[in-house]
Amino acid sequence: MAKINKASRENIWKVRIDVNDPGCIWNINPSSFYYKIIKANNENAAVRGAANYCSRQMQAYPGVHFKYSTSDVSPYYCNIVKRSIIEDNTGITTIKI
């Protein structure tokens, strides 16, 4: 039986978060971005979740501005790689992918 990717069965979205941190409180870089993984039923719900996340982060880190992108929202898929470790009589371990 084939393994099913758990991320493909659930509604998981990734949203781009831009961070403006002039005082380097949150990060060592004054400006950066990353993708936040959010569970939501659709794209609009993912954007609302990102808005809530950004407001919570701005309360936790005063002086740091978190901004979510409404145009860079996409479904998140996790790649699953199957690996098996094989040991033979020589003690050499190989990985079969």
Protein backbone atom coordinates (compact mmCIF):
# COMPACT_ATOMS: atom_id res chain seq x y z
CA MET A 1 0.00 0.00 0.00
CA ALA A 2 1.35 3.43 -0.93
CA LYS A 3 2.11 5.94 1.77
CA ILE A 4 0.00 9.09 1.63
CA ASN A 5 1.67 12.43 2.18
CA LYS A 6 0.08 13.83 5.35
CA ALA A 7 0.44 17.42 4.13
CA SER A 8 -1.49 16.61 0.96
CA ARG A 9 -4.46 15.32 2.99
CA GLU A 10 -4.73 18.45 5.11
CA ASN A 11 -5.29 22.05 4.18
CA ILE A 12 -1.90 23.59 4.86
CA TRP A 13 -0.84 26.90 3.31
CA LYS A 14 2.39 28.88 3.31
CA VAL A 15 2.32 32.67 3.54
CA ARG A 16 5.27 35.02 3.08
CA ILE A 17 6.02 37.18 6.12
CA ASP A 18 8.23 40.27 5.69
CA VAL A 19 10.01 41.54 8.80
CA ASN A 20 11.26 45.10 9.23
CA ASP A 21 13.49 45.15 12.31
CA PRO A 22 15.59 48.34 12.42
CA GLY A 23 16.80 47.67 15.99
CA CYS A 24 17.72 44.00 15.28
CA ILE A 25 15.54 42.84 18.19
CA TRP A 26 13.96 39.82 16.49
CA ASN A 27 16.71 38.93 14.01
CA ILE A 28 20.31 39.91 13.29
CA ASN A 29 19.22 41.34 9.92
CA PRO A 30 17.26 44.62 9.82
CA SER A 31 14.98 43.28 7.07
CA SER A 32 14.18 39.68 6.25
CA PHE A 33 11.38 37.39 5.14
CA TYR A 34 10.26 33.83 5.77
CA TYR A 35 7.31 31.56 5.02
CA LYS A 36 4.86 30.77 7.80
CA ILE A 37 2.98 27.46 7.59
CA ILE A 38 -0.70 27.92 8.49
CA LYS A 39 -3.53 25.39 8.71
CA ALA A 40 -6.56 26.81 6.93
CA ASN A 41 -9.44 25.66 4.74
CA ASN A 42 -8.75 28.10 1.91
CA GLU A 43 -6.48 30.95 0.80
CA ASN A 44 -8.54 33.69 2.46
CA ALA A 45 -8.49 31.88 5.80
CA ALA A 46 -4.71 31.50 5.49
CA VAL A 47 -4.36 35.26 4.96
CA ARG A 48 -6.53 35.92 8.03
CA GLY A 49 -4.36 33.51 10.02
CA ALA A 50 -1.23 35.34 8.85
CA ALA A 51 -2.76 38.67 9.91
CA ASN A 52 -3.43 37.29 13.40
CA TYR A 53 0.08 35.84 13.57
CA CYS A 54 1.67 39.18 12.55
CA SER A 55 -0.32 41.14 15.13
CA ARG A 56 0.69 38.69 17.89
CA GLN A 57 4.34 38.91 16.86
CA MET A 58 4.25 42.72 16.86
CA GLN A 59 2.83 42.67 20.39
CA ALA A 60 5.53 40.24 21.54
CA TYR A 61 8.36 42.22 19.88
CA PRO A 62 7.70 45.98 20.16
CA GLY A 63 9.43 48.02 17.47
CA VAL A 64 9.48 45.15 14.96
CA HIS A 65 7.03 45.33 12.05
CA PHE A 66 5.68 42.05 10.63
CA LYS A 67 3.79 42.24 7.34
CA TYR A 68 2.11 39.36 5.52
CA SER A 69 1.86 39.11 1.76
CA THR A 70 -1.55 38.59 0.20
CA SER A 71 -0.05 37.76 -3.20
CA ASP A 72 2.48 35.13 -2.05
CA VAL A 73 0.10 32.52 -0.61
CA SER A 74 0.26 28.96 -1.88
CA PRO A 75 -0.59 25.42 -0.76
CA TYR A 76 2.21 23.71 1.15
CA TYR A 77 3.33 20.23 0.14
CA CYS A 78 5.91 18.26 2.07
CA ASN A 79 8.28 16.01 0.15
CA ILE A 80 8.63 12.54 1.60
CA VAL A 81 11.85 10.68 0.96
CA LYS A 82 12.11 6.99 1.70
CA ARG A 83 15.44 5.91 3.13
CA SER A 84 16.66 2.63 4.45
CA ILE A 85 19.98 1.93 6.14
CA ILE A 86 21.75 -1.25 5.12
CA GLU A 87 24.68 -2.70 7.08
CA ASP A 88 26.74 -5.50 5.69
CA ASN A 89 29.37 -7.78 7.23
CA THR A 90 32.19 -5.27 6.69
CA GLY A 91 30.59 -2.73 9.04
CA ILE A 92 30.03 -0.23 6.24
CA THR A 93 26.67 1.51 6.41
CA THR A 94 25.02 2.55 3.16
CA ILE A 95 21.83 4.47 2.65
CA LYS A 96 19.44 3.37 -0.07
CA ILE A 97 17.10 6.05 -1.38
